[in-house]
């Protein structure tokens, strides 16, 4: 079965402007069934991003300080931005997609920020970016994460968002007979 959708999730040190992106996760999936394909995760150098002028939110740092075990997971084995952008681009090239979903537009802004800092084009075309929150809002779905141990590991978060998205799309019967 051809998997034409991916879901993106990032973990950050802020949520406005040019914020530091700690970790990027991508998961390939079948939008009709929710079957998971290949997974990808990379942790990016926060020190290098700070040198590029990326900012840190005190509120977000406080939030992470209450989740230090999760914070250590998304900050270990960091790669430099140049290498990280190259690795992300290569993964996306070998996993062609029709749609890229994210829980929020913040994820797309974060990807744009890191690629722009390296004078590289965003590897996720604007016309392929979709937002799961829009589906939830329009159809008034209650947003409850599928499992209670929400980890803030971007791959785990992608998988949970995929389960929720597929369930919602099936509920609104998006796959009516063509």
Foldseek 3Di string as FASTA:
>chain_A
DAFAEKEKDWDWQDQDDQTGTFKIKMWTAHLQPLDTDDIDMAGADSVLSVVLVHDGDPVSVVVVVVVVVLVCVSHPPHDYLVVVLVVVLVVCVVRHHQAYEYQDCSRVVNQCSSQVSVVHDRSQDPVRYDHLVVLCVVVVPDDDFPDPCPRPRGRVVRSRSSVVSSVSCVVVPVPPPD
